[in-house]
Amino acid sequence: MFANLKKAFRSVSASEREAAYLNEAGDRIDLELRQREVDRGLFRRNRNLGL
């Protein structure tokens, strides 16, 4: 029971967000665009600083 609660409140890592974003690509062109965005640090920025 506590294991399920622990999983529910766990934060998602940047690498997991990147993988989920890349997996949503519809075709090769979209995937390449998304890979460039990930390479630029789209999911690695510190959101608290507004950067």
N, C-alpha and C. Protein backbone atom coordinates (compact mmCIF):
# COMPACT_ATOMS: atom_id res chain seq x y z
N MET A 1 0.82 -1.19 0.00
CA MET A 1 0.00 0.00 0.00
C MET A 1 0.87 1.26 0.00
N PHE A 2 1.88 1.29 0.86
CA PHE A 2 2.73 2.47 0.93
C PHE A 2 3.59 2.62 -0.33
N ALA A 3 3.91 1.50 -0.95
CA ALA A 3 4.71 1.56 -2.18
C ALA A 3 3.92 2.27 -3.28
N ASN A 4 2.62 2.01 -3.36
CA ASN A 4 1.79 2.68 -4.37
C ASN A 4 1.69 4.17 -4.10
N LEU A 5 1.57 4.54 -2.84
CA LEU A 5 1.52 5.96 -2.49
C LEU A 5 2.84 6.65 -2.80
N LYS A 6 3.93 5.95 -2.54
CA LYS A 6 5.25 6.51 -2.82
C LYS A 6 5.41 6.77 -4.32
N LYS A 7 4.95 5.84 -5.15
CA LYS A 7 5.02 6.01 -6.60
C LYS A 7 4.13 7.16 -7.08
N ALA A 8 2.99 7.33 -6.45
CA ALA A 8 2.05 8.37 -6.86
C ALA A 8 2.61 9.77 -6.60
N PHE A 9 3.40 9.93 -5.55
CA PHE A 9 3.92 11.25 -5.20
C PHE A 9 5.35 11.49 -5.65
N ARG A 10 5.91 10.54 -6.37
CA ARG A 10 7.28 10.68 -6.87
C ARG A 10 7.30 11.69 -8.01
N SER A 11 8.32 12.55 -8.02
CA SER A 11 8.44 13.51 -9.10
C SER A 11 9.07 12.83 -10.32
N VAL A 12 8.74 13.32 -11.47
CA VAL A 12 9.23 12.76 -12.72
C VAL A 12 10.56 13.43 -13.06
N SER A 13 11.55 12.62 -13.39
CA SER A 13 12.88 13.16 -13.71
C SER A 13 12.88 13.78 -15.10
N ALA A 14 13.89 14.58 -15.35
CA ALA A 14 14.02 15.24 -16.65
C ALA A 14 14.19 14.21 -17.76
N SER A 15 14.94 13.16 -17.51
CA SER A 15 15.15 12.14 -18.55
C SER A 15 13.85 11.40 -18.86
N GLU A 16 13.00 11.19 -17.86
CA GLU A 16 11.71 10.55 -18.11
C GLU A 16 10.79 11.48 -18.91
N ARG A 17 10.83 12.78 -18.61
CA ARG A 17 10.03 13.74 -19.40
C ARG A 17 10.52 13.79 -20.84
N GLU A 18 11.85 13.77 -21.02
CA GLU A 18 12.41 13.77 -22.37
C GLU A 18 11.98 12.54 -23.16
N ALA A 19 12.06 11.39 -22.54
CA ALA A 19 11.69 10.14 -23.21
C ALA A 19 10.21 10.14 -23.59
N ALA A 20 9.36 10.61 -22.70
CA ALA A 20 7.93 10.67 -22.99
C ALA A 20 7.66 11.63 -24.14
N TYR A 21 8.35 12.76 -24.16
CA TYR A 21 8.18 13.75 -25.22
C TYR A 21 8.62 13.18 -26.57
N LEU A 22 9.75 12.49 -26.59
CA LEU A 22 10.24 11.90 -27.83
C LEU A 22 9.33 10.78 -28.31
N ASN A 23 8.75 10.02 -27.40
CA ASN A 23 7.87 8.92 -27.77
C ASN A 23 6.56 9.39 -28.40
N GLU A 24 6.20 10.65 -28.20
CA GLU A 24 4.97 11.20 -28.77
C GLU A 24 5.13 11.67 -30.22
N ALA A 25 6.33 11.59 -30.75
CA ALA A 25 6.57 12.05 -32.12
C ALA A 25 5.75 11.22 -33.11
N GLY A 26 5.17 11.92 -34.08
CA GLY A 26 4.31 11.24 -35.05
C GLY A 26 5.05 10.67 -36.24
N ASP A 27 6.17 11.28 -36.61
CA ASP A 27 6.95 10.79 -37.74
C ASP A 27 8.42 11.14 -37.53
N ARG A 28 9.24 10.80 -38.48
CA ARG A 28 10.68 11.00 -38.36
C ARG A 28 11.05 12.47 -38.26
N ILE A 29 10.39 13.31 -39.04
CA ILE A 29 10.68 14.75 -39.04
C ILE A 29 10.35 15.34 -37.67
N ASP A 30 9.19 14.98 -37.13
CA ASP A 30 8.78 15.45 -35.81
C ASP A 30 9.76 14.97 -34.75
N LEU A 31 10.22 13.73 -34.88
CA LEU A 31 11.17 13.19 -33.92
C LEU A 31 12.48 13.97 -33.96
N GLU A 32 12.96 14.29 -35.16
CA GLU A 32 14.21 15.05 -35.28
C GLU A 32 14.07 16.44 -34.66
N LEU A 33 12.93 17.08 -34.87
CA LEU A 33 12.68 18.39 -34.28
C LEU A 33 12.67 18.30 -32.75
N ARG A 34 12.01 17.28 -32.24
CA ARG A 34 11.93 17.09 -30.79
C ARG A 34 13.31 16.78 -30.21
N GLN A 35 14.12 16.01 -30.93
CA GLN A 35 15.47 15.70 -30.45
C GLN A 35 16.31 16.96 -30.36
N ARG A 36 16.17 17.86 -31.34
CA ARG A 36 16.90 19.13 -31.29
C ARG A 36 16.47 19.97 -30.09
N GLU A 37 15.16 19.98 -29.83
CA GLU A 37 14.66 20.73 -28.67
C GLU A 37 15.21 20.15 -27.37
N VAL A 38 15.26 18.84 -27.26
CA VAL A 38 15.81 18.19 -26.07
C VAL A 38 17.29 18.52 -25.95
N ASP A 39 18.02 18.49 -27.07
CA ASP A 39 19.45 18.81 -27.06
C ASP A 39 19.71 20.24 -26.62
N ARG A 40 18.78 21.14 -26.93
CA ARG A 40 18.92 22.54 -26.51
C ARG A 40 18.63 22.74 -25.03
N GLY A 41 18.13 21.70 -24.36
CA GLY A 41 17.89 21.81 -22.93
C GLY A 41 16.48 22.17 -22.55
N LEU A 42 15.53 21.89 -23.39
CA LEU A 42 14.14 22.24 -23.13
C LEU A 42 13.65 21.69 -21.80
N PHE A 43 14.10 20.50 -21.41
CA PHE A 43 13.62 19.86 -20.19
C PHE A 43 14.61 19.98 -19.04
N ARG A 44 15.71 20.62 -19.26
CA ARG A 44 16.75 20.70 -18.23
C ARG A 44 16.80 22.07 -17.56
N ARG A 45 16.07 23.04 -18.05
CA ARG A 45 16.10 24.38 -17.47
C ARG A 45 15.47 24.40 -16.09
N ASN A 46 15.96 25.31 -15.27
CA ASN A 46 15.39 25.48 -13.94
C ASN A 46 14.15 26.36 -14.07
N ARG A 47 12.99 25.80 -13.90
CA ARG A 47 11.74 26.51 -14.08
C ARG A 47 11.48 27.53 -12.98
N ASN A 48 12.09 27.35 -11.82
CA ASN A 48 11.88 28.29 -10.72
C ASN A 48 12.50 29.64 -10.99
N LEU A 49 13.54 29.70 -11.79
CA LEU A 49 14.21 30.95 -12.09
C LEU A 49 13.64 31.65 -13.31
N GLY A 50 12.72 31.00 -13.99
CA GLY A 50 12.12 31.60 -15.16
C GLY A 50 13.03 31.61 -16.36
N LEU A 51 14.03 30.76 -16.38
CA LEU A 51 14.97 30.71 -17.52
C LEU A 51 14.54 29.68 -18.51
